[in-house]
Amino acid sequence: MDRIISIYAPGEASVPVRGSGQAADRLAQVVALVREHGGAVDADLRSVLAARAPASLKALVNDFSDYRAFIARMEGRIDGRPLLPADPAEVLAYVQDCRVHGQKPATIRRRLASLRALHGLAGLADPTGSPQLRAMLRGLAAQGVAAPLQVGSREPAFTLEILLEACEDTPPGLRDAALLAVACEAGLKVSQVLALEAGQVVPAAEGQGLLRLAGVQERVLTGETFQRVDRWCRAAGIAEGALFRRVAVVRAKGREGRGPVPLAKLAWNARAGDGHLGERQARAARTDYVVGENGLTAAAVRDIVRKVAGRAADLGLVALQGREREAAIAALRLQSLWCRRAPDETVGGD
C-alpha cells in the first residue's frame, strides 16, 4: 500500500507539543536557590537575573545542583545547611572530584564560574580565589586547550562530507544538510545560525549565493551550498523569517479494508469497528511534515549534529563501533566541523 506524504508550510498546521507539563521557570529556580542557601534576597535580584539568557540561568541551577550532590556525597546529609558561602577547601575538593570523574576542563571552569556568579548574586565573597585552586586551574588550562579544534595527523571520524551524505531527502534532511553546509562553509557559530533569516541568503553570480548577516562581513557561498538552502526553503515554503525551523514528523500506519462479516460468523464479543458487523475502512499509510513558525534553539542545533552523525555511523560511513562511536558523537560540535577545514577553505571573519 502506497504511503501518502504531506508537507505543511509554516502556519498551515500546528506543530505537536509535548504534554508533559510546563517549562521550568529558571528565574524562579535561581531566586529560590539564592534565598535557600544565601539568605535574604535583594529586591533588585530578579531584574538582574532577567537580563541573563535562559541558558545561563539553566547553567547556574544545574552546576549548583552538581556541587550540592558532591557535598551530599561527602557529608551524607545536608538537610537545612546553607551551602553559600562555600568553603574554599570544599570547592578545591569539588574540582578534584570533577577531574577524577573525567569532566572536561571547560566544564569544570563553567561550574566554577556558576558558583562564583551565585556568590555575587547573594552578595557573598568569591570562594574560588584561593592560591591552590588558581594553581589547579592553570594546570587545567594547559591540559585542555580546545582539543576538538587542534589539527593533527589523524583524520577526524566525522567530516562535513560524511554528514551531508547521511542527510535524507526529506524536509528534515534537507534542513539538516542546508544548516550544516551554510554553518561550516561560512564559519558560523550556533548563535549566528539561529539568527539567520531566509532573506539573508540571496543568489549571486554564477549560481553562487551571498550570506548577509548583521554584524558579519558578507560571505560568498558555493553554488552547491546555495542550492541546498534553496531546496530547503522551497520544500518548507519559507520565504521570510527564521531560516532553520523545527520540522515535526507525524506518521500513521496503513491498514487494509475489511468487508462486513456475516452475522452467523461474527464472534459473540466482536467489536463493531468503523461500521456494522466488523466492517473496516482501508487507510493508507501517511507521513506528515509540519514546519514550525519559530526558529530552532541552540539545543536543537546540537541535537541535529549528533543525530546526523549517528545516522552516518548506522549507514557505515565511518568505521566506529561501541564506546568509540559514542565518544566521537558526544564530542562532535558544529564549530569543530568548520574548524577542521583547511586554512584556504575556511571563510575568514570570525
C-alpha atoms as a PDB file:
ATOM      1  CA  MET A   1       0.000   0.000   0.000  1.00  0.00           C
ATOM      2  CA  ASP A   2       1.402   3.387  -1.031  1.00  0.00           C
ATOM      3  CA  ARG A   3       2.318   5.967   1.598  1.00  0.00           C
ATOM      4  CA  ILE A   4       0.815   9.459   1.466  1.00  0.00           C
ATOM      5  CA  ILE A   5       3.339  12.218   2.214  1.00  0.00           C
ATOM      6  CA  SER A   6       2.147  15.729   3.090  1.00  0.00           C
ATOM      7  CA  ILE A   7       4.240  18.823   3.829  1.00  0.00           C
ATOM      8  CA  TYR A   8       2.637  21.687   5.742  1.00  0.00           C
ATOM      9  CA  ALA A   9       4.296  25.094   5.424  1.00  0.00           C
ATOM     10  CA  PRO A  10       4.594  27.386   8.473  1.00  0.00           C
ATOM     11  CA  GLY A  11       1.147  28.356   9.750  1.00  0.00           C
ATOM     12  CA  GLU A  12      -0.757  25.685   7.807  1.00  0.00           C
ATOM     13  CA  ALA A  13      -0.810  23.213  10.707  1.00  0.00           C
ATOM     14  CA  SER A  14       0.048  23.201  14.390  1.00  0.00           C
ATOM     15  CA  VAL A  15       3.373  21.725  15.437  1.00  0.00           C
ATOM     16  CA  PRO A  16       2.785  18.974  18.026  1.00  0.00           C
ATOM     17  CA  VAL A  17       3.959  19.848  21.533  1.00  0.00           C
ATOM     18  CA  ARG A  18       4.784  17.616  24.452  1.00  0.00           C
ATOM     19  CA  GLY A  19       2.072  17.338  27.072  1.00  0.00           C
ATOM     20  CA  SER A  20       4.358  16.552  29.990  1.00  0.00           C
ATOM     21  CA  GLY A  21       3.859  19.917  31.664  1.00  0.00           C
ATOM     22  CA  GLN A  22       5.100  23.486  31.542  1.00  0.00           C
ATOM     23  CA  ALA A  23       8.707  24.533  31.087  1.00  0.00           C
ATOM     24  CA  ALA A  24      10.707  25.146  34.230  1.00  0.00           C
ATOM     25  CA  ASP A  25      10.848  28.748  35.446  1.00  0.00           C
ATOM     26  CA  ARG A  26      14.632  29.098  35.627  1.00  0.00           C
ATOM     27  CA  LEU A  27      14.494  32.614  37.045  1.00  0.00           C
ATOM     28  CA  ALA A  28      12.311  31.446  39.945  1.00  0.00           C
ATOM     29  CA  GLN A  29      14.643  28.485  40.496  1.00  0.00           C
ATOM     30  CA  VAL A  30      17.701  30.728  40.843  1.00  0.00           C
ATOM     31  CA  VAL A  31      15.864  33.121  43.187  1.00  0.00           C
ATOM     32  CA  ALA A  32      14.746  30.200  45.364  1.00  0.00           C
ATOM     33  CA  LEU A  33      18.259  28.773  45.331  1.00  0.00           C
ATOM     34  CA  VAL A  34      19.828  32.052  46.484  1.00  0.00           C
ATOM     35  CA  ARG A  35      17.135  32.509  49.132  1.00  0.00           C
ATOM     36  CA  GLU A  36      17.599  28.965  50.477  1.00  0.00           C
ATOM     37  CA  HIS A  37      21.382  28.897  50.599  1.00  0.00           C
ATOM     38  CA  GLY A  38      22.439  32.539  50.633  1.00  0.00           C
ATOM     39  CA  GLY A  39      19.936  34.147  52.987  1.00  0.00           C
ATOM     40  CA  ALA A  40      17.835  37.208  52.161  1.00  0.00           C
ATOM     41  CA  VAL A  41      17.173  38.062  48.516  1.00  0.00           C
ATOM     42  CA  ASP A  42      17.846  41.597  47.306  1.00  0.00           C
ATOM     43  CA  ALA A  43      14.871  43.387  45.757  1.00  0.00           C
ATOM     44  CA  ASP A  44      16.799  44.010  42.526  1.00  0.00           C
ATOM     45  CA  LEU A  45      17.858  40.377  42.131  1.00  0.00           C
ATOM     46  CA  ARG A  46      15.005  39.499  39.773  1.00  0.00           C
ATOM     47  CA  SER A  47      15.781  42.411  37.455  1.00  0.00           C
ATOM     48  CA  VAL A  48      19.457  41.397  37.399  1.00  0.00           C
ATOM     49  CA  LEU A  49      18.566  37.792  36.579  1.00  0.00           C
ATOM     50  CA  ALA A  50      16.020  38.821  33.936  1.00  0.00           C
ATOM     51  CA  ALA A  51      18.879  40.264  31.871  1.00  0.00           C
ATOM     52  CA  ARG A  52      20.540  36.844  31.698  1.00  0.00           C
ATOM     53  CA  ALA A  53      19.836  34.379  28.917  1.00  0.00           C
ATOM     54  CA  PRO A  54      17.680  31.338  29.798  1.00  0.00           C
ATOM     55  CA  ALA A  55      20.621  29.050  29.051  1.00  0.00           C
ATOM     56  CA  SER A  56      22.739  30.992  31.565  1.00  0.00           C
ATOM     57  CA  LEU A  57      20.094  30.590  34.275  1.00  0.00           C
ATOM     58  CA  LYS A  58      19.813  26.889  33.480  1.00  0.00           C
ATOM     59  CA  ALA A  59      23.595  26.527  33.829  1.00  0.00           C
ATOM     60  CA  LEU A  60      23.505  28.216  37.248  1.00  0.00           C
ATOM     61  CA  VAL A  61      20.867  25.777  38.502  1.00  0.00           C
ATOM     62  CA  ASN A  62      22.454  22.650  37.019  1.00  0.00           C
ATOM     63  CA  ASP A  63      26.006  23.492  38.091  1.00  0.00           C
ATOM     64  CA  PHE A  64      24.939  24.268  41.654  1.00  0.00           C
ATOM     65  CA  SER A  65      22.940  21.019  41.737  1.00  0.00           C
ATOM     66  CA  ASP A  66      26.126  19.165  40.796  1.00  0.00           C
ATOM     67  CA  TYR A  67      28.047  20.933  43.579  1.00  0.00           C
ATOM     68  CA  ARG A  68      25.278  20.174  46.074  1.00  0.00           C
ATOM     69  CA  ALA A  69      25.326  16.490  45.049  1.00  0.00           C
ATOM     70  CA  PHE A  70      29.084  16.412  45.704  1.00  0.00           C
ATOM     71  CA  ILE A  71      28.658  17.894  49.193  1.00  0.00           C
ATOM     72  CA  ALA A  72      25.886  15.376  49.904  1.00  0.00           C
ATOM     73  CA  ARG A  73      28.193  12.511  48.903  1.00  0.00           C
ATOM     74  CA  MET A  74      30.938  13.859  51.132  1.00  0.00           C
ATOM     75  CA  GLU A  75      28.816  14.541  54.219  1.00  0.00           C
ATOM     76  CA  GLY A  76      25.932  12.126  53.840  1.00  0.00           C
ATOM     77  CA  ARG A  77      23.085  14.598  54.503  1.00  0.00           C
ATOM     78  CA  ILE A  78      22.904  18.370  54.111  1.00  0.00           C
ATOM     79  CA  ASP A  79      19.336  18.969  55.245  1.00  0.00           C
ATOM     80  CA  GLY A  80      18.933  22.540  56.460  1.00  0.00           C
ATOM     81  CA  ARG A  81      22.552  23.503  55.904  1.00  0.00           C
ATOM     82  CA  PRO A  82      23.110  26.558  53.654  1.00  0.00           C
ATOM     83  CA  LEU A  83      25.790  25.910  51.046  1.00  0.00           C
ATOM     84  CA  LEU A  84      26.531  29.588  50.417  1.00  0.00           C
ATOM     85  CA  PRO A  85      29.103  30.866  51.105  1.00  0.00           C
ATOM     86  CA  ALA A  86      31.038  27.807  50.000  1.00  0.00           C
ATOM     87  CA  ASP A  87      34.130  26.716  51.889  1.00  0.00           C
ATOM     88  CA  PRO A  88      37.237  27.225  49.666  1.00  0.00           C
ATOM     89  CA  ALA A  89      38.541  23.837  50.828  1.00  0.00           C
ATOM     90  CA  GLU A  90      35.290  22.186  49.726  1.00  0.00           C
ATOM     91  CA  VAL A  91      35.469  23.967  46.370  1.00  0.00           C
ATOM     92  CA  LEU A  92      39.017  22.667  45.901  1.00  0.00           C
ATOM     93  CA  ALA A  93      37.874  19.141  46.755  1.00  0.00           C
ATOM     94  CA  TYR A  94      34.961  19.556  44.348  1.00  0.00           C
ATOM     95  CA  VAL A  95      37.285  20.454  41.459  1.00  0.00           C
ATOM     96  CA  GLN A  96      39.450  17.431  42.251  1.00  0.00           C
ATOM     97  CA  ASP A  97      36.337  15.246  42.256  1.00  0.00           C
ATOM     98  CA  CYS A  98      35.317  16.637  38.859  1.00  0.00           C
ATOM     99  CA  ARG A  99      38.731  15.721  37.465  1.00  0.00           C
ATOM    100  CA  VAL A 100      38.518  12.198  38.919  1.00  0.00           C
ATOM    101  CA  HIS A 101      35.157  11.701  37.215  1.00  0.00           C
ATOM    102  CA  GLY A 102      36.596  12.737  33.847  1.00  0.00           C
ATOM    103  CA  GLN A 103      34.860  16.085  33.403  1.00  0.00           C
ATOM    104  CA  LYS A 104      36.405  18.290  30.739  1.00  0.00           C
ATOM    105  CA  PRO A 105      38.393  21.401  31.727  1.00  0.00           C
ATOM    106  CA  ALA A 106      35.809  23.648  30.047  1.00  0.00           C
ATOM    107  CA  THR A 107      33.033  22.025  32.096  1.00  0.00           C
ATOM    108  CA  ILE A 108      34.961  22.497  35.340  1.00  0.00           C
ATOM    109  CA  ARG A 109      35.645  26.150  34.567  1.00  0.00           C
ATOM    110  CA  ARG A 110      31.964  26.702  33.783  1.00  0.00           C
ATOM    111  CA  ARG A 111      30.897  25.100  37.070  1.00  0.00           C
ATOM    112  CA  LEU A 112      33.278  27.348  38.979  1.00  0.00           C
ATOM    113  CA  ALA A 113      32.004  30.396  37.090  1.00  0.00           C
ATOM    114  CA  SER A 114      28.436  29.470  38.064  1.00  0.00           C
ATOM    115  CA  LEU A 115      29.453  29.079  41.706  1.00  0.00           C
ATOM    116  CA  ARG A 116      31.216  32.452  41.567  1.00  0.00           C
ATOM    117  CA  ALA A 117      28.164  34.087  39.967  1.00  0.00           C
ATOM    118  CA  LEU A 118      25.806  32.720  42.631  1.00  0.00           C
ATOM    119  CA  HIS A 119      28.012  34.155  45.364  1.00  0.00           C
ATOM    120  CA  GLY A 120      27.962  37.510  43.605  1.00  0.00           C
ATOM    121  CA  LEU A 121      24.161  37.437  43.354  1.00  0.00           C
ATOM    122  CA  ALA A 122      23.929  36.667  47.067  1.00  0.00           C
ATOM    123  CA  GLY A 123      26.425  39.425  47.959  1.00  0.00           C
ATOM    124  CA  LEU A 124      28.992  36.938  49.276  1.00  0.00           C
ATOM    125  CA  ALA A 125      32.752  36.699  48.861  1.00  0.00           C
ATOM    126  CA  ASP A 126      34.170  34.683  45.967  1.00  0.00           C
ATOM    127  CA  PRO A 127      35.305  31.223  47.225  1.00  0.00           C
ATOM    128  CA  THR A 128      37.229  30.371  44.050  1.00  0.00           C
ATOM    129  CA  GLY A 129      40.212  32.663  44.562  1.00  0.00           C
ATOM    130  CA  SER A 130      42.465  30.507  46.764  1.00  0.00           C
ATOM    131  CA  PRO A 131      46.090  30.078  45.558  1.00  0.00           C
ATOM    132  CA  GLN A 132      45.722  26.276  45.485  1.00  0.00           C
ATOM    133  CA  LEU A 133      42.645  26.483  43.278  1.00  0.00           C
ATOM    134  CA  ARG A 134      44.268  29.026  40.970  1.00  0.00           C
ATOM    135  CA  ALA A 135      47.253  26.712  40.529  1.00  0.00           C
ATOM    136  CA  MET A 136      44.931  23.820  39.713  1.00  0.00           C
ATOM    137  CA  LEU A 137      43.069  25.947  37.170  1.00  0.00           C
ATOM    138  CA  ARG A 138      46.352  26.869  35.484  1.00  0.00           C
ATOM    139  CA  GLY A 139      47.029  23.148  35.138  1.00  0.00           C
ATOM    140  CA  LEU A 140      43.577  22.652  33.639  1.00  0.00           C
ATOM    141  CA  ALA A 141      44.190  25.470  31.164  1.00  0.00           C
ATOM    142  CA  ALA A 142      47.392  23.815  29.971  1.00  0.00           C
ATOM    143  CA  GLN A 143      45.686  20.422  29.824  1.00  0.00           C
ATOM    144  CA  GLY A 144      42.544  21.335  27.867  1.00  0.00           C
ATOM    145  CA  VAL A 145      43.394  23.676  25.013  1.00  0.00           C
ATOM    146  CA  ALA A 146      40.415  23.286  22.670  1.00  0.00           C
ATOM    147  CA  ALA A 147      41.119  19.650  21.849  1.00  0.00           C
ATOM    148  CA  PRO A 148      38.432  19.314  19.119  1.00  0.00           C
ATOM    149  CA  LEU A 149      39.917  22.270  17.227  1.00  0.00           C
ATOM    150  CA  GLN A 150      43.525  21.071  17.151  1.00  0.00           C
ATOM    151  CA  VAL A 151      44.876  19.989  13.785  1.00  0.00           C
ATOM    152  CA  GLY A 152      46.684  16.674  13.997  1.00  0.00           C
ATOM    153  CA  SER A 153      47.846  13.929  11.684  1.00  0.00           C
ATOM    154  CA  ARG A 154      44.855  11.730  12.478  1.00  0.00           C
ATOM    155  CA  GLU A 155      41.861  12.225  10.207  1.00  0.00           C
ATOM    156  CA  PRO A 156      38.648  13.139  12.069  1.00  0.00           C
ATOM    157  CA  ALA A 157      36.000  10.414  12.161  1.00  0.00           C
ATOM    158  CA  PHE A 158      33.189  12.757  11.109  1.00  0.00           C
ATOM    159  CA  THR A 159      33.668  15.293   8.342  1.00  0.00           C
ATOM    160  CA  LEU A 160      31.214  17.657   6.693  1.00  0.00           C
ATOM    161  CA  GLU A 161      31.129  15.498   3.565  1.00  0.00           C
ATOM    162  CA  ILE A 162      30.189  12.402   5.587  1.00  0.00           C
ATOM    163  CA  LEU A 163      27.420  14.214   7.455  1.00  0.00           C
ATOM    164  CA  LEU A 164      25.988  15.669   4.243  1.00  0.00           C
ATOM    165  CA  GLU A 165      25.921  12.201   2.699  1.00  0.00           C
ATOM    166  CA  ALA A 166      23.926  10.948   5.696  1.00  0.00           C
ATOM    167  CA  CYS A 167      21.189  13.589   5.307  1.00  0.00           C
ATOM    168  CA  GLU A 168      17.986  12.125   3.890  1.00  0.00           C
ATOM    169  CA  ASP A 169      15.937  13.552   1.021  1.00  0.00           C
ATOM    170  CA  THR A 170      13.088  14.585   3.354  1.00  0.00           C
ATOM    171  CA  PRO A 171      12.200  18.025   4.762  1.00  0.00           C
ATOM    172  CA  PRO A 172      14.183  17.394   7.999  1.00  0.00           C
ATOM    173  CA  GLY A 173      17.090  16.019   5.952  1.00  0.00           C
ATOM    174  CA  LEU A 174      17.055  18.992   3.572  1.00  0.00           C
ATOM    175  CA  ARG A 175      17.076  21.343   6.573  1.00  0.00           C
ATOM    176  CA  ASP A 176      19.949  19.492   8.241  1.00  0.00           C
ATOM    177  CA  ALA A 177      22.042  19.491   5.052  1.00  0.00           C
ATOM    178  CA  ALA A 178      21.444  23.212   4.456  1.00  0.00           C
ATOM    179  CA  LEU A 179      22.247  24.058   8.078  1.00  0.00           C
ATOM    180  CA  LEU A 180      25.484  22.059   8.135  1.00  0.00           C
ATOM    181  CA  ALA A 181      26.629  23.336   4.738  1.00  0.00           C
ATOM    182  CA  VAL A 182      25.988  27.018   5.499  1.00  0.00           C
ATOM    183  CA  ALA A 183      27.419  26.910   9.023  1.00  0.00           C
ATOM    184  CA  CYS A 184      30.585  25.061   8.038  1.00  0.00           C
ATOM    185  CA  GLU A 185      31.257  26.934   4.805  1.00  0.00           C
ATOM    186  CA  ALA A 186      30.702  30.381   6.329  1.00  0.00           C
ATOM    187  CA  GLY A 187      32.264  29.503   9.695  1.00  0.00           C
ATOM    188  CA  LEU A 188      29.187  30.447  11.717  1.00  0.00           C
ATOM    189  CA  LYS A 189      28.712  29.911  15.421  1.00  0.00           C
ATOM    190  CA  VAL A 190      25.499  28.367  16.719  1.00  0.00           C
ATOM    191  CA  SER A 191      24.175  31.776  17.781  1.00  0.00           C
ATOM    192  CA  GLN A 192      24.749  33.108  14.252  1.00  0.00           C
ATOM    193  CA  VAL A 193      22.994  30.104  12.711  1.00  0.00           C
ATOM    194  CA  LEU A 194      19.974  30.774  14.929  1.00  0.00           C
ATOM    195  CA  ALA A 195      19.926  34.433  13.837  1.00  0.00           C
ATOM    196  CA  LEU A 196      19.846  33.593  10.114  1.00  0.00           C
ATOM    197  CA  GLU A 197      16.716  34.596   8.197  1.00  0.00           C
ATOM    198  CA  ALA A 198      15.544  33.483   4.773  1.00  0.00           C
ATOM    199  CA  GLY A 199      16.137  36.894   3.196  1.00  0.00           C
ATOM    200  CA  GLN A 200      19.789  36.935   4.264  1.00  0.00           C
ATOM    201  CA  VAL A 201      20.822  34.215   1.795  1.00  0.00           C
ATOM    202  CA  VAL A 202      20.436  35.641  -1.718  1.00  0.00           C
ATOM    203  CA  PRO A 203      21.527  34.451  -5.186  1.00  0.00           C
ATOM    204  CA  ALA A 204      24.721  35.812  -6.717  1.00  0.00           C
ATOM    205  CA  ALA A 205      26.583  35.467 -10.000  1.00  0.00           C
ATOM    206  CA  GLU A 206      27.455  32.062 -11.490  1.00  0.00           C
ATOM    207  CA  GLY A 207      24.928  30.203  -9.338  1.00  0.00           C
ATOM    208  CA  GLN A 208      26.630  31.141  -6.077  1.00  0.00           C
ATOM    209  CA  GLY A 209      24.970  32.696  -3.047  1.00  0.00           C
ATOM    210  CA  LEU A 210      25.620  35.621  -0.712  1.00  0.00           C
ATOM    211  CA  LEU A 211      25.226  35.431   3.048  1.00  0.00           C
ATOM    212  CA  ARG A 212      24.329  38.783   4.607  1.00  0.00           C
ATOM    213  CA  LEU A 213      24.214  38.505   8.377  1.00  0.00           C
ATOM    214  CA  ALA A 214      24.068  41.573  10.616  1.00  0.00           C
ATOM    215  CA  GLY A 215      27.408  42.338  12.225  1.00  0.00           C
ATOM    216  CA  VAL A 216      29.266  39.885   9.971  1.00  0.00           C
ATOM    217  CA  GLN A 217      31.160  40.555   6.759  1.00  0.00           C
ATOM    218  CA  GLU A 218      29.251  39.483   3.621  1.00  0.00           C
ATOM    219  CA  ARG A 219      30.247  35.965   2.640  1.00  0.00           C
ATOM    220  CA  VAL A 220      30.084  34.058  -0.631  1.00  0.00           C
ATOM    221  CA  LEU A 221      28.509  30.590  -0.627  1.00  0.00           C
ATOM    222  CA  THR A 222      29.285  27.961  -3.239  1.00  0.00           C
ATOM    223  CA  GLY A 223      26.599  27.015  -5.729  1.00  0.00           C
ATOM    224  CA  GLU A 224      26.130  23.621  -4.059  1.00  0.00           C
ATOM    225  CA  THR A 225      25.507  25.176  -0.647  1.00  0.00           C
ATOM    226  CA  PHE A 226      23.141  27.778  -2.077  1.00  0.00           C
ATOM    227  CA  GLN A 227      21.194  25.014  -3.841  1.00  0.00           C
ATOM    228  CA  ARG A 228      20.847  23.171  -0.525  1.00  0.00           C
ATOM    229  CA  VAL A 229      19.378  26.280   1.089  1.00  0.00           C
ATOM    230  CA  ASP A 230      17.067  26.862  -1.870  1.00  0.00           C
ATOM    231  CA  ARG A 231      15.788  23.264  -1.828  1.00  0.00           C
ATOM    232  CA  TRP A 232      15.051  23.504   1.892  1.00  0.00           C
ATOM    233  CA  CYS A 233      13.197  26.812   1.539  1.00  0.00           C
ATOM    234  CA  ARG A 234      11.132  25.515  -1.382  1.00  0.00           C
ATOM    235  CA  ALA A 235      10.230  22.269   0.373  1.00  0.00           C
ATOM    236  CA  ALA A 236       9.289  24.041   3.623  1.00  0.00           C
ATOM    237  CA  GLY A 237       7.557  27.013   2.000  1.00  0.00           C
ATOM    238  CA  ILE A 238       9.802  29.531   3.767  1.00  0.00           C
ATOM    239  CA  ALA A 239      10.083  32.971   2.169  1.00  0.00           C
ATOM    240  CA  GLU A 240      10.768  35.120   5.231  1.00  0.00           C
ATOM    241  CA  GLY A 241      11.524  34.808   8.920  1.00  0.00           C
ATOM    242  CA  ALA A 242      13.824  32.273  10.564  1.00  0.00           C
ATOM    243  CA  LEU A 243      15.688  30.160   8.020  1.00  0.00           C
ATOM    244  CA  PHE A 244      16.071  26.993  10.088  1.00  0.00           C
ATOM    245  CA  ARG A 245      12.990  25.752  11.933  1.00  0.00           C
ATOM    246  CA  ARG A 246      11.638  22.721  13.689  1.00  0.00           C
ATOM    247  CA  VAL A 247      10.020  20.076  11.473  1.00  0.00           C
ATOM    248  CA  ALA A 248       7.566  17.784  13.251  1.00  0.00           C
ATOM    249  CA  VAL A 249       7.078  14.337  11.724  1.00  0.00           C
ATOM    250  CA  VAL A 250       3.689  12.668  12.258  1.00  0.00           C
ATOM    251  CA  ARG A 251       3.363   9.095  10.993  1.00  0.00           C
ATOM    252  CA  ALA A 252       0.288   6.860  10.745  1.00  0.00           C
ATOM    253  CA  LYS A 253       0.324   3.173   9.830  1.00  0.00           C
ATOM    254  CA  GLY A 254      -1.741   1.949   6.932  1.00  0.00           C
ATOM    255  CA  ARG A 255      -4.265  -0.870   7.109  1.00  0.00           C
ATOM    256  CA  GLU A 256      -6.268  -2.941   4.688  1.00  0.00           C
ATOM    257  CA  GLY A 257     -10.022  -2.681   4.444  1.00  0.00           C
ATOM    258  CA  ARG A 258     -12.404  -5.390   5.514  1.00  0.00           C
ATOM    259  CA  GLY A 259     -15.980  -6.039   4.474  1.00  0.00           C
ATOM    260  CA  PRO A 260     -18.881  -6.845   6.798  1.00  0.00           C
ATOM    261  CA  VAL A 261     -18.818 -10.274   8.427  1.00  0.00           C
ATOM    262  CA  PRO A 262     -21.992 -12.388   8.182  1.00  0.00           C
ATOM    263  CA  LEU A 263     -23.848 -12.469  11.460  1.00  0.00           C
ATOM    264  CA  ALA A 264     -23.506 -16.247  11.695  1.00  0.00           C
ATOM    265  CA  LYS A 265     -19.693 -15.977  11.547  1.00  0.00           C
ATOM    266  CA  LEU A 266     -19.390 -12.987  13.879  1.00  0.00           C
ATOM    267  CA  ALA A 267     -17.919 -13.805  17.288  1.00  0.00           C
ATOM    268  CA  TRP A 268     -20.117 -13.028  20.272  1.00  0.00           C
ATOM    269  CA  ASN A 269     -17.630 -10.438  21.601  1.00  0.00           C
ATOM    270  CA  ALA A 270     -16.640  -8.845  18.255  1.00  0.00           C
ATOM    271  CA  ARG A 271     -16.450  -5.060  18.106  1.00  0.00           C
ATOM    272  CA  ALA A 272     -18.491  -3.160  15.572  1.00  0.00           C
ATOM    273  CA  GLY A 273     -15.450  -1.337  14.224  1.00  0.00           C
ATOM    274  CA  ASP A 274     -15.895   1.604  11.837  1.00  0.00           C
ATOM    275  CA  GLY A 275     -19.226   0.277  10.522  1.00  0.00           C
ATOM    276  CA  HIS A 276     -21.530  -2.629  11.206  1.00  0.00           C
ATOM    277  CA  LEU A 277     -20.605  -6.278  11.710  1.00  0.00           C
ATOM    278  CA  GLY A 278     -16.825  -5.793  11.739  1.00  0.00           C
ATOM    279  CA  GLU A 279     -16.577  -3.623   8.644  1.00  0.00           C
ATOM    280  CA  ARG A 280     -13.357  -1.584   8.464  1.00  0.00           C
ATOM    281  CA  GLN A 281     -12.346   1.119   6.021  1.00  0.00           C
ATOM    282  CA  ALA A 282      -8.961   0.873   4.313  1.00  0.00           C
ATOM    283  CA  ARG A 283      -6.429   3.518   5.298  1.00  0.00           C
ATOM    284  CA  ALA A 284      -3.214   4.372   3.513  1.00  0.00           C
ATOM    285  CA  ALA A 285      -0.026   4.894   5.477  1.00  0.00           C
ATOM    286  CA  ARG A 286       0.836   8.551   5.699  1.00  0.00           C
ATOM    287  CA  THR A 287       3.645  10.815   6.843  1.00  0.00           C
ATOM    288  CA  ASP A 288       3.020  14.477   7.603  1.00  0.00           C
ATOM    289  CA  TYR A 289       5.852  17.008   7.869  1.00  0.00           C
ATOM    290  CA  VAL A 290       4.793  20.121   9.776  1.00  0.00           C
ATOM    291  CA  VAL A 291       7.185  23.088   9.569  1.00  0.00           C
ATOM    292  CA  GLY A 292       7.118  25.356  12.620  1.00  0.00           C
ATOM    293  CA  GLU A 293       6.816  29.122  12.619  1.00  0.00           C
ATOM    294  CA  ASN A 294       9.707  29.744  15.034  1.00  0.00           C
ATOM    295  CA  GLY A 295      13.438  29.202  14.662  1.00  0.00           C
ATOM    296  CA  LEU A 296      15.459  26.402  16.196  1.00  0.00           C
ATOM    297  CA  THR A 297      17.096  26.573  19.612  1.00  0.00           C
ATOM    298  CA  ALA A 298      20.783  26.065  20.379  1.00  0.00           C
ATOM    299  CA  ALA A 299      19.993  22.676  21.921  1.00  0.00           C
ATOM    300  CA  ALA A 300      18.156  21.659  18.734  1.00  0.00           C
ATOM    301  CA  VAL A 301      21.178  22.532  16.575  1.00  0.00           C
ATOM    302  CA  ARG A 302      23.459  20.415  18.767  1.00  0.00           C
ATOM    303  CA  ASP A 303      20.935  17.578  18.617  1.00  0.00           C
ATOM    304  CA  ILE A 304      20.792  17.793  14.815  1.00  0.00           C
ATOM    305  CA  VAL A 305      24.585  17.477  14.526  1.00  0.00           C
ATOM    306  CA  ARG A 306      24.647  14.394  16.757  1.00  0.00           C
ATOM    307  CA  LYS A 307      21.633  12.732  15.137  1.00  0.00           C
ATOM    308  CA  VAL A 308      23.112  13.136  11.665  1.00  0.00           C
ATOM    309  CA  ALA A 309      26.415  11.734  12.954  1.00  0.00           C
ATOM    310  CA  GLY A 310      24.569   8.753  14.438  1.00  0.00           C
ATOM    311  CA  ARG A 311      22.826   8.141  11.106  1.00  0.00           C
ATOM    312  CA  ALA A 312      26.185   8.293   9.318  1.00  0.00           C
ATOM    313  CA  ALA A 313      27.550   5.661  11.693  1.00  0.00           C
ATOM    314  CA  ASP A 314      24.456   3.479  11.161  1.00  0.00           C
ATOM    315  CA  LEU A 315      24.989   3.679   7.397  1.00  0.00           C
ATOM    316  CA  GLY A 316      28.598   2.551   7.784  1.00  0.00           C
ATOM    317  CA  LEU A 317      30.075   5.827   6.537  1.00  0.00           C
ATOM    318  CA  VAL A 318      32.541   5.829   9.459  1.00  0.00           C
ATOM    319  CA  ALA A 319      34.405   2.866  10.914  1.00  0.00           C
ATOM    320  CA  LEU A 320      33.399   3.366  14.537  1.00  0.00           C
ATOM    321  CA  GLN A 321      31.716   0.962  16.918  1.00  0.00           C
ATOM    322  CA  GLY A 322      30.678   0.802  20.564  1.00  0.00           C
ATOM    323  CA  ARG A 323      32.189   3.252  23.014  1.00  0.00           C
ATOM    324  CA  GLU A 324      34.497   4.761  20.408  1.00  0.00           C
ATOM    325  CA  ARG A 325      31.471   5.686  18.311  1.00  0.00           C
ATOM    326  CA  GLU A 326      29.582   7.116  21.308  1.00  0.00           C
ATOM    327  CA  ALA A 327      32.590   9.191  22.385  1.00  0.00           C
ATOM    328  CA  ALA A 328      33.126  10.588  18.876  1.00  0.00           C
ATOM    329  CA  ILE A 329      29.470  11.611  18.556  1.00  0.00           C
ATOM    330  CA  ALA A 330      29.380  13.127  22.057  1.00  0.00           C
ATOM    331  CA  ALA A 331      32.479  15.221  21.304  1.00  0.00           C
ATOM    332  CA  LEU A 332      31.159  16.476  17.967  1.00  0.00           C
ATOM    333  CA  ARG A 333      30.342  20.185  17.757  1.00  0.00           C
ATOM    334  CA  LEU A 334      29.210  22.376  14.894  1.00  0.00           C
ATOM    335  CA  GLN A 335      32.246  24.611  15.341  1.00  0.00           C
ATOM    336  CA  SER A 336      34.645  21.651  15.344  1.00  0.00           C
ATOM    337  CA  LEU A 337      33.454  20.719  11.841  1.00  0.00           C
ATOM    338  CA  TRP A 338      34.305  24.029  10.196  1.00  0.00           C
ATOM    339  CA  CYS A 339      37.483  24.482  12.262  1.00  0.00           C
ATOM    340  CA  ARG A 340      38.844  21.228  10.791  1.00  0.00           C
ATOM    341  CA  ARG A 341      38.772  22.640   7.283  1.00  0.00           C
ATOM    342  CA  ALA A 342      41.991  23.636   5.578  1.00  0.00           C
ATOM    343  CA  PRO A 343      43.017  27.287   6.108  1.00  0.00           C
ATOM    344  CA  ASP A 344      42.499  28.159   2.420  1.00  0.00           C
ATOM    345  CA  GLU A 345      38.949  26.743   2.515  1.00  0.00           C
ATOM    346  CA  THR A 346      37.769  28.492   5.666  1.00  0.00           C
ATOM    347  CA  VAL A 347      35.969  31.798   5.198  1.00  0.00           C
ATOM    348  CA  GLY A 348      37.568  34.474   7.335  1.00  0.00           C
ATOM    349  CA  GLY A 349      35.874  36.974   9.597  1.00  0.00           C
ATOM    350  CA  ASP A 350      35.178  35.045  12.823  1.00  0.00           C
END
